[in-house]
Amino acid sequence: MATKIQKTGITRERGWLYYLDKNGDVSRTKMARGGGSAQKSKPQRIAKVGVKRENGFLYFIDKDGDVAKAKMAKPGSRRKSARRTPKRAPRRAATRGRAKTTRRARR
């Protein structure tokens, strides 16, 4: 499903979030966990890769520490297929002015 773009061989450490920044380089920042006081830290650039992004692809750091990309699902594709089912005929309106009763209720 995913194809490797660039081999970086990054070893991940616990408590850090690794991502591709807007320049296409691999960066990391401290994860916010536990709801305690937020420690504002600057992102650190780990590897200078310079990936050029294409529309319709998700870019990530895979388990080997390399940069990979995978094709994203098209938005709404599941909903459109469900809508194509044949529609039922509309229900007939109940008779106006008269309440529907059974034979027993009329006696």
PDB file of N, CA and C in Angstrom:
ATOM      1  N   MET A   1       0.809  -1.185   0.000  1.00  0.00           N
ATOM      2  CA  MET A   1       0.000   0.000   0.000  1.00  0.00           C
ATOM      3  C   MET A   1       0.861   1.260   0.000  1.00  0.00           C
ATOM      4  N   ALA A   2       1.844   1.315   0.871  1.00  0.00           N
ATOM      5  CA  ALA A   2       2.701   2.499   0.946  1.00  0.00           C
ATOM      6  C   ALA A   2       3.998   2.242   0.192  1.00  0.00           C
ATOM      7  N   THR A   3       4.527   3.294  -0.404  1.00  0.00           N
ATOM      8  CA  THR A   3       5.815   3.193  -1.104  1.00  0.00           C
ATOM      9  C   THR A   3       6.825   4.083  -0.406  1.00  0.00           C
ATOM     10  N   LYS A   4       8.042   3.566  -0.260  1.00  0.00           N
ATOM     11  CA  LYS A   4       9.098   4.345   0.377  1.00  0.00           C
ATOM     12  C   LYS A   4       9.625   5.371  -0.614  1.00  0.00           C
ATOM     13  N   ILE A   5       9.811   6.578  -0.123  1.00  0.00           N
ATOM     14  CA  ILE A   5      10.313   7.655  -0.970  1.00  0.00           C
ATOM     15  C   ILE A   5      11.791   7.901  -0.710  1.00  0.00           C
ATOM     16  N   GLN A   6      12.146   7.996   0.566  1.00  0.00           N
ATOM     17  CA  GLN A   6      13.518   8.326   0.956  1.00  0.00           C
ATOM     18  C   GLN A   6      13.906   7.495   2.169  1.00  0.00           C
ATOM     19  N   LYS A   7      15.080   6.908   2.144  1.00  0.00           N
ATOM     20  CA  LYS A   7      15.577   6.161   3.297  1.00  0.00           C
ATOM     21  C   LYS A   7      16.315   7.113   4.220  1.00  0.00           C
ATOM     22  N   THR A   8      15.837   7.195   5.472  1.00  0.00           N
ATOM     23  CA  THR A   8      16.487   8.056   6.460  1.00  0.00           C
ATOM     24  C   THR A   8      17.025   7.252   7.635  1.00  0.00           C
ATOM     25  N   GLY A   9      16.396   6.117   7.962  1.00  0.00           N
ATOM     26  CA  GLY A   9      16.869   5.247   9.040  1.00  0.00           C
ATOM     27  C   GLY A   9      16.792   5.888  10.408  1.00  0.00           C
ATOM     28  N   ILE A  10      15.767   6.661  10.667  1.00  0.00           N
ATOM     29  CA  ILE A  10      15.613   7.341  11.955  1.00  0.00           C
ATOM     30  C   ILE A  10      15.202   6.328  13.015  1.00  0.00           C
ATOM     31  N   THR A  11      15.819   6.404  14.195  1.00  0.00           N
ATOM     32  CA  THR A  11      15.382   5.578  15.321  1.00  0.00           C
ATOM     33  C   THR A  11      14.509   6.446  16.206  1.00  0.00           C
ATOM     34  N   ARG A  12      13.309   5.989  16.479  1.00  0.00           N
ATOM     35  CA  ARG A  12      12.350   6.778  17.243  1.00  0.00           C
ATOM     36  C   ARG A  12      12.595   6.643  18.737  1.00  0.00           C
ATOM     37  N   GLU A  13      12.311   7.730  19.443  1.00  0.00           N
ATOM     38  CA  GLU A  13      12.373   7.721  20.902  1.00  0.00           C
ATOM     39  C   GLU A  13      10.967   7.893  21.444  1.00  0.00           C
ATOM     40  N   ARG A  14      10.706   7.337  22.628  1.00  0.00           N
ATOM     41  CA  ARG A  14       9.382   7.463  23.236  1.00  0.00           C
ATOM     42  C   ARG A  14       9.137   8.910  23.649  1.00  0.00           C
ATOM     43  N   GLY A  15       7.859   9.345  23.500  1.00  0.00           N
ATOM     44  CA  GLY A  15       7.492  10.688  23.930  1.00  0.00           C
ATOM     45  C   GLY A  15       7.682  11.759  22.874  1.00  0.00           C
ATOM     46  N   TRP A  16       8.085  11.363  21.668  1.00  0.00           N
ATOM     47  CA  TRP A  16       8.294  12.323  20.583  1.00  0.00           C
ATOM     48  C   TRP A  16       7.365  12.005  19.426  1.00  0.00           C
ATOM     49  N   LEU A  17       6.890  13.046  18.748  1.00  0.00           N
ATOM     50  CA  LEU A  17       6.047  12.915  17.565  1.00  0.00           C
ATOM     51  C   LEU A  17       6.901  13.243  16.345  1.00  0.00           C
ATOM     52  N   TYR A  18       7.024  12.281  15.428  1.00  0.00           N
ATOM     53  CA  TYR A  18       7.833  12.456  14.218  1.00  0.00           C
ATOM     54  C   TYR A  18       6.909  12.723  13.032  1.00  0.00           C
ATOM     55  N   TYR A  19       7.243  13.700  12.209  1.00  0.00           N
ATOM     56  CA  TYR A  19       6.394  14.080  11.083  1.00  0.00           C
ATOM     57  C   TYR A  19       7.223  14.748   9.984  1.00  0.00           C
ATOM     58  N   LEU A  20       6.588  14.931   8.832  1.00  0.00           N
ATOM     59  CA  LEU A  20       7.192  15.672   7.725  1.00  0.00           C
ATOM     60  C   LEU A  20       6.724  17.114   7.823  1.00  0.00           C
ATOM     61  N   ASP A  21       7.648  18.057   7.942  1.00  0.00           N
ATOM     62  CA  ASP A  21       7.236  19.459   8.058  1.00  0.00           C
ATOM     63  C   ASP A  21       6.923  20.044   6.684  1.00  0.00           C
ATOM     64  N   LYS A  22       6.564  21.334   6.642  1.00  0.00           N
ATOM     65  CA  LYS A  22       6.122  21.922   5.387  1.00  0.00           C
ATOM     66  C   LYS A  22       7.238  22.080   4.365  1.00  0.00           C
ATOM     67  N   ASN A  23       8.476  21.964   4.789  1.00  0.00           N
ATOM     68  CA  ASN A  23       9.603  22.000   3.845  1.00  0.00           C
ATOM     69  C   ASN A  23       9.938  20.617   3.290  1.00  0.00           C
ATOM     70  N   GLY A  24       9.264  19.578   3.792  1.00  0.00           N
ATOM     71  CA  GLY A  24       9.517  18.211   3.348  1.00  0.00           C
ATOM     72  C   GLY A  24      10.625  17.525   4.115  1.00  0.00           C
ATOM     73  N   ASP A  25      11.017  18.082   5.258  1.00  0.00           N
ATOM     74  CA  ASP A  25      12.062  17.488   6.089  1.00  0.00           C
ATOM     75  C   ASP A  25      11.423  16.760   7.264  1.00  0.00           C
ATOM     76  N   VAL A  26      12.166  15.808   7.847  1.00  0.00           N
ATOM     77  CA  VAL A  26      11.656  15.065   9.004  1.00  0.00           C
ATOM     78  C   VAL A  26      11.956  15.868  10.260  1.00  0.00           C
ATOM     79  N   SER A  27      10.896  16.132  11.037  1.00  0.00           N
ATOM     80  CA  SER A  27      11.042  16.882  12.282  1.00  0.00           C
ATOM     81  C   SER A  27      10.402  16.098  13.411  1.00  0.00           C
ATOM     82  N   ARG A  28      10.695  16.536  14.634  1.00  0.00           N
ATOM     83  CA  ARG A  28      10.062  15.905  15.788  1.00  0.00           C
ATOM     84  C   ARG A  28       9.770  16.979  16.828  1.00  0.00           C
ATOM     85  N   THR A  29       8.740  16.712  17.641  1.00  0.00           N
ATOM     86  CA  THR A  29       8.378  17.604  18.737  1.00  0.00           C
ATOM     87  C   THR A  29       7.875  16.756  19.898  1.00  0.00           C
ATOM     88  N   LYS A  30       7.935  17.305  21.107  1.00  0.00           N
ATOM     89  CA  LYS A  30       7.491  16.586  22.293  1.00  0.00           C
ATOM     90  C   LYS A  30       5.985  16.384  22.229  1.00  0.00           C
ATOM     91  N   MET A  31       5.511  15.191  22.587  1.00  0.00           N
ATOM     92  CA  MET A  31       4.074  14.917  22.610  1.00  0.00           C
ATOM     93  C   MET A  31       3.449  15.545  23.849  1.00  0.00           C
ATOM     94  N   ALA A  32       2.239  16.040  23.687  1.00  0.00           N
ATOM     95  CA  ALA A  32       1.481  16.563  24.817  1.00  0.00           C
ATOM     96  C   ALA A  32       0.673  15.410  25.384  1.00  0.00           C
ATOM     97  N   ARG A  33       0.964  15.020  26.617  1.00  0.00           N
ATOM     98  CA  ARG A  33       0.295  13.876  27.228  1.00  0.00           C
ATOM     99  C   ARG A  33      -0.096  14.188  28.653  1.00  0.00           C
ATOM    100  N   GLY A  34      -1.137  13.539  29.118  1.00  0.00           N
ATOM    101  CA  GLY A  34      -1.496  13.563  30.525  1.00  0.00           C
ATOM    102  C   GLY A  34      -2.220  14.798  30.998  1.00  0.00           C
ATOM    103  N   GLY A  35      -2.412  15.802  30.180  1.00  0.00           N
ATOM    104  CA  GLY A  35      -3.163  16.979  30.573  1.00  0.00           C
ATOM    105  C   GLY A  35      -2.435  17.872  31.563  1.00  0.00           C
ATOM    106  N   GLY A  36      -1.160  17.658  31.775  1.00  0.00           N
ATOM    107  CA  GLY A  36      -0.397  18.500  32.691  1.00  0.00           C
ATOM    108  C   GLY A  36      -0.052  19.830  32.045  1.00  0.00           C
ATOM    109  N   SER A  37       0.883  20.542  32.634  1.00  0.00           N
ATOM    110  CA  SER A  37       1.277  21.831  32.072  1.00  0.00           C
ATOM    111  C   SER A  37       1.964  21.593  30.728  1.00  0.00           C
ATOM    112  N   ALA A  38       1.520  22.321  29.733  1.00  0.00           N
ATOM    113  CA  ALA A  38       2.043  22.144  28.379  1.00  0.00           C
ATOM    114  C   ALA A  38       3.427  22.767  28.281  1.00  0.00           C
ATOM    115  N   GLN A  39       4.379  21.979  27.850  1.00  0.00           N
ATOM    116  CA  GLN A  39       5.728  22.486  27.654  1.00  0.00           C
ATOM    117  C   GLN A  39       5.873  22.866  26.192  1.00  0.00           C
ATOM    118  N   LYS A  40       6.004  24.146  25.942  1.00  0.00           N
ATOM    119  CA  LYS A  40       6.130  24.628  24.575  1.00  0.00           C
ATOM    120  C   LYS A  40       7.583  24.451  24.160  1.00  0.00           C
ATOM    121  N   SER A  41       7.808  23.612  23.155  1.00  0.00           N
ATOM    122  CA  SER A  41       9.174  23.415  22.669  1.00  0.00           C
ATOM    123  C   SER A  41       9.191  23.577  21.156  1.00  0.00           C
ATOM    124  N   LYS A  42      10.288  24.038  20.648  1.00  0.00           N
ATOM    125  CA  LYS A  42      10.430  24.211  19.208  1.00  0.00           C
ATOM    126  C   LYS A  42      10.635  22.851  18.553  1.00  0.00           C
ATOM    127  N   PRO A  43      10.077  22.659  17.360  1.00  0.00           N
ATOM    128  CA  PRO A  43      10.339  21.403  16.653  1.00  0.00           C
ATOM    129  C   PRO A  43      11.814  21.289  16.264  1.00  0.00           C
ATOM    130  N   GLN A  44      12.327  20.065  16.321  1.00  0.00           N
ATOM    131  CA  GLN A  44      13.727  19.822  15.941  1.00  0.00           C
ATOM    132  C   GLN A  44      13.754  19.143  14.584  1.00  0.00           C
ATOM    133  N   ARG A  45      14.593  19.627  13.688  1.00  0.00           N
ATOM    134  CA  ARG A  45      14.753  18.973  12.390  1.00  0.00           C
ATOM    135  C   ARG A  45      15.718  17.808  12.572  1.00  0.00           C
ATOM    136  N   ILE A  46      15.267  16.614  12.213  1.00  0.00           N
ATOM    137  CA  ILE A  46      16.066  15.405  12.389  1.00  0.00           C
ATOM    138  C   ILE A  46      16.846  15.083  11.125  1.00  0.00           C
ATOM    139  N   ALA A  47      16.166  15.118   9.974  1.00  0.00           N
ATOM    140  CA  ALA A  47      16.817  14.786   8.704  1.00  0.00           C
ATOM    141  C   ALA A  47      16.328  15.737   7.631  1.00  0.00           C
ATOM    142  N   LYS A  48      17.256  16.249   6.836  1.00  0.00           N
ATOM    143  CA  LYS A  48      16.897  17.137   5.740  1.00  0.00           C
ATOM    144  C   LYS A  48      16.657  16.269   4.507  1.00  0.00           C
ATOM    145  N   VAL A  49      15.392  16.182   4.105  1.00  0.00           N
ATOM    146  CA  VAL A  49      15.014  15.301   3.010  1.00  0.00           C
ATOM    147  C   VAL A  49      14.557  16.105   1.798  1.00  0.00           C
ATOM    148  N   GLY A  50      13.709  17.108   2.009  1.00  0.00           N
ATOM    149  CA  GLY A  50      13.211  17.948   0.921  1.00  0.00           C
ATOM    150  C   GLY A  50      12.239  17.242  -0.004  1.00  0.00           C
ATOM    151  N   VAL A  51      11.245  16.557   0.562  1.00  0.00           N
ATOM    152  CA  VAL A  51      10.251  15.818  -0.222  1.00  0.00           C
ATOM    153  C   VAL A  51       9.279  16.801  -0.867  1.00  0.00           C
ATOM    154  N   LYS A  52       9.033  16.629  -2.149  1.00  0.00           N
ATOM    155  CA  LYS A  52       8.011  17.416  -2.848  1.00  0.00           C
ATOM    156  C   LYS A  52       6.709  16.633  -2.765  1.00  0.00           C
ATOM    157  N   ARG A  53       5.689  17.240  -2.199  1.00  0.00           N
ATOM    158  CA  ARG A  53       4.430  16.545  -1.983  1.00  0.00           C
ATOM    159  C   ARG A  53       3.523  16.605  -3.210  1.00  0.00           C
ATOM    160  N   GLU A  54       2.755  15.534  -3.397  1.00  0.00           N
ATOM    161  CA  GLU A  54       1.752  15.463  -4.457  1.00  0.00           C
ATOM    162  C   GLU A  54       0.374  15.468  -3.811  1.00  0.00           C
ATOM    163  N   ASN A  55      -0.607  16.017  -4.506  1.00  0.00           N
ATOM    164  CA  ASN A  55      -1.977  15.991  -3.995  1.00  0.00           C
ATOM    165  C   ASN A  55      -2.502  14.565  -4.011  1.00  0.00           C
ATOM    166  N   GLY A  56      -3.319  14.223  -2.999  1.00  0.00           N
ATOM    167  CA  GLY A  56      -3.947  12.909  -2.942  1.00  0.00           C
ATOM    168  C   GLY A  56      -3.108  11.850  -2.266  1.00  0.00           C
ATOM    169  N   PHE A  57      -1.973  12.228  -1.664  1.00  0.00           N
ATOM    170  CA  PHE A  57      -1.114  11.265  -0.983  1.00  0.00           C
ATOM    171  C   PHE A  57      -0.900  11.679   0.468  1.00  0.00           C
ATOM    172  N   LEU A  58      -0.776  10.687   1.355  1.00  0.00           N
ATOM    173  CA  LEU A  58      -0.488  10.894   2.761  1.00  0.00           C
ATOM    174  C   LEU A  58       0.975  10.532   2.991  1.00  0.00           C
ATOM    175  N   TYR A  59       1.743  11.453   3.556  1.00  0.00           N
ATOM    176  CA  TYR A  59       3.168  11.243   3.796  1.00  0.00           C
ATOM    177  C   TYR A  59       3.396  10.993   5.283  1.00  0.00           C
ATOM    178  N   PHE A  60       4.246  10.009   5.612  1.00  0.00           N
ATOM    179  CA  PHE A  60       4.481   9.650   7.006  1.00  0.00           C
ATOM    180  C   PHE A  60       5.850   9.001   7.161  1.00  0.00           C
ATOM    181  N   ILE A  61       6.257   8.823   8.422  1.00  0.00           N
ATOM    182  CA  ILE A  61       7.503   8.125   8.750  1.00  0.00           C
ATOM    183  C   ILE A  61       7.110   6.703   9.107  1.00  0.00           C
ATOM    184  N   ASP A  62       7.602   5.711   8.351  1.00  0.00           N
ATOM    185  CA  ASP A  62       7.188   4.323   8.591  1.00  0.00           C
ATOM    186  C   ASP A  62       7.966   3.704   9.743  1.00  0.00           C
ATOM    187  N   LYS A  63       7.704   2.422  10.013  1.00  0.00           N
ATOM    188  CA  LYS A  63       8.301   1.766  11.186  1.00  0.00           C
ATOM    189  C   LYS A  63       9.808   1.595  11.070  1.00  0.00           C
ATOM    190  N   ASP A  64      10.349   1.635   9.850  1.00  0.00           N
ATOM    191  CA  ASP A  64      11.799   1.539   9.665  1.00  0.00           C
ATOM    192  C   ASP A  64      12.480   2.891   9.797  1.00  0.00           C
ATOM    193  N   GLY A  65      11.696   3.965   9.957  1.00  0.00           N
ATOM    194  CA  GLY A  65      12.260   5.311  10.081  1.00  0.00           C
ATOM    195  C   GLY A  65      12.485   5.975   8.739  1.00  0.00           C
ATOM    196  N   ASP A  66      11.852   5.472   7.690  1.00  0.00           N
ATOM    197  CA  ASP A  66      11.993   6.051   6.354  1.00  0.00           C
ATOM    198  C   ASP A  66      10.733   6.830   5.994  1.00  0.00           C
ATOM    199  N   VAL A  67      10.860   7.734   5.016  1.00  0.00           N
ATOM    200  CA  VAL A  67       9.714   8.519   4.563  1.00  0.00           C
ATOM    201  C   VAL A  67       8.941   7.694   3.547  1.00  0.00           C
ATOM    202  N   ALA A  68       7.616   7.598   3.742  1.00  0.00           N
ATOM    203  CA  ALA A  68       6.767   6.807   2.847  1.00  0.00           C
ATOM    204  C   ALA A  68       5.526   7.613   2.486  1.00  0.00           C
ATOM    205  N   LYS A  69       4.860   7.171   1.409  1.00  0.00           N
ATOM    206  CA  LYS A  69       3.604   7.815   1.024  1.00  0.00           C
ATOM    207  C   LYS A  69       2.591   6.744   0.662  1.00  0.00           C
ATOM    208  N   ALA A  70       1.301   7.075   0.901  1.00  0.00           N
ATOM    209  CA  ALA A  70       0.201   6.167   0.581  1.00  0.00           C
ATOM    210  C   ALA A  70      -0.917   6.987  -0.039  1.00  0.00           C
ATOM    211  N   LYS A  71      -1.630   6.377  -0.982  1.00  0.00           N
ATOM    212  CA  LYS A  71      -2.730   7.074  -1.650  1.00  0.00           C
ATOM    213  C   LYS A  71      -3.887   7.221  -0.678  1.00  0.00           C
ATOM    214  N   MET A  72      -4.451   8.444  -0.600  1.00  0.00           N
ATOM    215  CA  MET A  72      -5.582   8.702   0.298  1.00  0.00           C
ATOM    216  C   MET A  72      -6.878   8.268  -0.361  1.00  0.00           C
ATOM    217  N   ALA A  73      -7.839   7.899   0.463  1.00  0.00           N
ATOM    218  CA  ALA A  73      -9.165   7.548  -0.040  1.00  0.00           C
ATOM    219  C   ALA A  73      -9.846   8.820  -0.524  1.00  0.00           C
ATOM    220  N   LYS A  74     -10.632   8.692  -1.587  1.00  0.00           N
ATOM    221  CA  LYS A  74     -11.353   9.857  -2.096  1.00  0.00           C
ATOM    222  C   LYS A  74     -12.492  10.168  -1.142  1.00  0.00           C
ATOM    223  N   PRO A  75     -12.668  11.440  -0.791  1.00  0.00           N
ATOM    224  CA  PRO A  75     -13.725  11.766   0.161  1.00  0.00           C
ATOM    225  C   PRO A  75     -15.109  11.515  -0.415  1.00  0.00           C
ATOM    226  N   GLY A  76     -15.967  10.879   0.382  1.00  0.00           N
ATOM    227  CA  GLY A  76     -17.343  10.640  -0.019  1.00  0.00           C
ATOM    228  C   GLY A  76     -17.546   9.446  -0.918  1.00  0.00           C
ATOM    229  N   SER A  77     -16.528   8.650  -1.180  1.00  0.00           N
ATOM    230  CA  SER A  77     -16.691   7.520  -2.088  1.00  0.00           C
ATOM    231  C   SER A  77     -17.608   6.456  -1.497  1.00  0.00           C
ATOM    232  N   ARG A  78     -17.594   6.275  -0.191  1.00  0.00           N
ATOM    233  CA  ARG A  78     -18.461   5.283   0.441  1.00  0.00           C
ATOM    234  C   ARG A  78     -19.910   5.753   0.385  1.00  0.00           C
ATOM    235  N   ARG A  79     -20.143   7.035   0.623  1.00  0.00           N
ATOM    236  CA  ARG A  79     -21.498   7.566   0.614  1.00  0.00           C
ATOM    237  C   ARG A  79     -22.109   7.510  -0.781  1.00  0.00           C
ATOM    238  N   LYS A  80     -21.348   7.794  -1.803  1.00  0.00           N
ATOM    239  CA  LYS A  80     -21.881   7.804  -3.158  1.00  0.00           C
ATOM    240  C   LYS A  80     -22.345   6.421  -3.578  1.00  0.00           C
ATOM    241  N   SER A  81     -21.602   5.378  -3.203  1.00  0.00           N
ATOM    242  CA  SER A  81     -21.995   4.031  -3.592  1.00  0.00           C
ATOM    243  C   SER A  81     -23.278   3.615  -2.882  1.00  0.00           C
ATOM    244  N   ALA A  82     -23.495   4.077  -1.663  1.00  0.00           N
ATOM    245  CA  ALA A  82     -24.711   3.743  -0.927  1.00  0.00           C
ATOM    246  C   ALA A  82     -25.922   4.452  -1.535  1.00  0.00           C
ATOM    247  N   ARG A  83     -25.725   5.615  -2.115  1.00  0.00           N
ATOM    248  CA  ARG A  83     -26.830   6.371  -2.689  1.00  0.00           C
ATOM    249  C   ARG A  83     -27.332   5.763  -3.989  1.00  0.00           C
ATOM    250  N   ARG A  84     -26.558   4.955  -4.630  1.00  0.00           N
ATOM    251  CA  ARG A  84     -26.929   4.403  -5.923  1.00  0.00           C
ATOM    252  C   ARG A  84     -27.929   3.263  -5.831  1.00  0.00           C
ATOM    253  N   THR A  85     -28.321   2.871  -4.630  1.00  0.00           N
ATOM    254  CA  THR A  85     -29.307   1.801  -4.482  1.00  0.00           C
ATOM    255  C   THR A  85     -30.646   2.297  -5.018  1.00  0.00           C
ATOM    256  N   PRO A  86     -31.429   1.416  -5.615  1.00  0.00           N
ATOM    257  CA  PRO A  86     -32.702   1.866  -6.180  1.00  0.00           C
ATOM    258  C   PRO A  86     -33.636   2.378  -5.091  1.00  0.00           C
ATOM    259  N   LYS A  87     -34.341   3.466  -5.416  1.00  0.00           N
ATOM    260  CA  LYS A  87     -35.245   4.068  -4.445  1.00  0.00           C
ATOM    261  C   LYS A  87     -36.587   3.357  -4.473  1.00  0.00           C
ATOM    262  N   ARG A  88     -37.248   3.310  -3.307  1.00  0.00           N
ATOM    263  CA  ARG A  88     -38.579   2.723  -3.219  1.00  0.00           C
ATOM    264  C   ARG A  88     -39.612   3.717  -3.717  1.00  0.00           C
ATOM    265  N   ALA A  89     -40.784   3.182  -4.044  1.00  0.00           N
ATOM    266  CA  ALA A  89     -41.903   4.046  -4.438  1.00  0.00           C
ATOM    267  C   ALA A  89     -42.378   4.801  -3.204  1.00  0.00           C
ATOM    268  N   PRO A  90     -42.800   6.044  -3.354  1.00  0.00           N
ATOM    269  CA  PRO A  90     -43.257   6.802  -2.185  1.00  0.00           C
ATOM    270  C   PRO A  90     -44.518   6.190  -1.582  1.00  0.00           C
ATOM    271  N   ARG A  91     -44.664   6.311  -0.277  1.00  0.00           N
ATOM    272  CA  ARG A  91     -45.828   5.761   0.422  1.00  0.00           C
ATOM    273  C   ARG A  91     -47.059   6.593   0.093  1.00  0.00           C
ATOM    274  N   ARG A  92     -48.187   5.924   0.025  1.00  0.00           N
ATOM    275  CA  ARG A  92     -49.438   6.635  -0.241  1.00  0.00           C
ATOM    276  C   ARG A  92     -49.898   7.349   1.018  1.00  0.00           C
ATOM    277  N   ALA A  93     -50.459   8.496   0.833  1.00  0.00           N
ATOM    278  CA  ALA A  93     -50.953   9.264   1.976  1.00  0.00           C
ATOM    279  C   ALA A  93     -52.195   8.589   2.542  1.00  0.00           C
ATOM    280  N   ALA A  94     -52.390   8.693   3.842  1.00  0.00           N
ATOM    281  CA  ALA A  94     -53.569   8.114   4.490  1.00  0.00           C
ATOM    282  C   ALA A  94     -54.807   8.885   4.041  1.00  0.00           C
ATOM    283  N   THR A  95     -55.952   8.247   4.157  1.00  0.00           N
ATOM    284  CA  THR A  95     -57.188   8.916   3.750  1.00  0.00           C
ATOM    285  C   THR A  95     -57.402  10.142   4.613  1.00  0.00           C
ATOM    286  N   ARG A  96     -57.846  11.199   4.001  1.00  0.00           N
ATOM    287  CA  ARG A  96     -57.989  12.460   4.722  1.00  0.00           C
ATOM    288  C   ARG A  96     -59.300  12.495   5.504  1.00  0.00           C
ATOM    289  N   GLY A  97     -59.278  13.072   6.691  1.00  0.00           N
ATOM    290  CA  GLY A  97     -60.474  13.331   7.464  1.00  0.00           C
ATOM    291  C   GLY A  97     -61.018  12.144   8.230  1.00  0.00           C
ATOM    292  N   ARG A  98     -60.674  10.933   7.873  1.00  0.00           N
ATOM    293  CA  ARG A  98     -61.198   9.752   8.545  1.00  0.00           C
ATOM    294  C   ARG A  98     -60.076   9.014   9.244  1.00  0.00           C
ATOM    295  N   ALA A  99     -60.310   8.695  10.477  1.00  0.00           N
ATOM    296  CA  ALA A  99     -59.310   7.921  11.201  1.00  0.00           C
ATOM    297  C   ALA A  99     -59.430   6.464  10.798  1.00  0.00           C
ATOM    298  N   LYS A 100     -58.316   5.798  10.686  1.00  0.00           N
ATOM    299  CA  LYS A 100     -58.323   4.398  10.314  1.00  0.00           C
ATOM    300  C   LYS A 100     -58.707   3.570  11.528  1.00  0.00           C
ATOM    301  N   THR A 101     -59.751   2.737  11.395  1.00  0.00           N
ATOM    302  CA  THR A 101     -60.192   1.915  12.520  1.00  0.00           C
ATOM    303  C   THR A 101     -60.343   0.474  12.056  1.00  0.00           C
ATOM    304  N   THR A 102     -60.354  -0.415  13.007  1.00  0.00           N
ATOM    305  CA  THR A 102     -60.562  -1.826  12.698  1.00  0.00           C
ATOM    306  C   THR A 102     -62.043  -2.154  12.823  1.00  0.00           C
ATOM    307  N   ARG A 103     -62.457  -3.329  12.443  1.00  0.00           N
ATOM    308  CA  ARG A 103     -63.864  -3.726  12.502  1.00  0.00           C
ATOM    309  C   ARG A 103     -64.384  -3.741  13.932  1.00  0.00           C
ATOM    310  N   ARG A 104     -63.573  -4.214  14.855  1.00  0.00           N
ATOM    311  CA  ARG A 104     -64.000  -4.300  16.236  1.00  0.00           C
ATOM    312  C   ARG A 104     -64.275  -2.922  16.809  1.00  0.00           C
ATOM    313  N   ALA A 105     -63.471  -1.959  16.472  1.00  0.00           N
ATOM    314  CA  ALA A 105     -63.659  -0.622  17.021  1.00  0.00           C
ATOM    315  C   ALA A 105     -64.930   0.024  16.489  1.00  0.00           C
ATOM    316  N   ARG A 106     -65.399  -0.376  15.316  1.00  0.00           N
ATOM    317  CA  ARG A 106     -66.592   0.225  14.734  1.00  0.00           C
ATOM    318  C   ARG A 106     -67.872  -0.306  15.376  1.00  0.00           C
ATOM    319  N   ARG A 107     -67.889  -1.486  15.938  1.00  0.00           N
ATOM    320  CA  ARG A 107     -69.104  -2.107  16.503  1.00  0.00           C
ATOM    321  C   ARG A 107     -69.602  -1.443  17.707  1.00  0.00           C
TER     322      ARG A 107
END
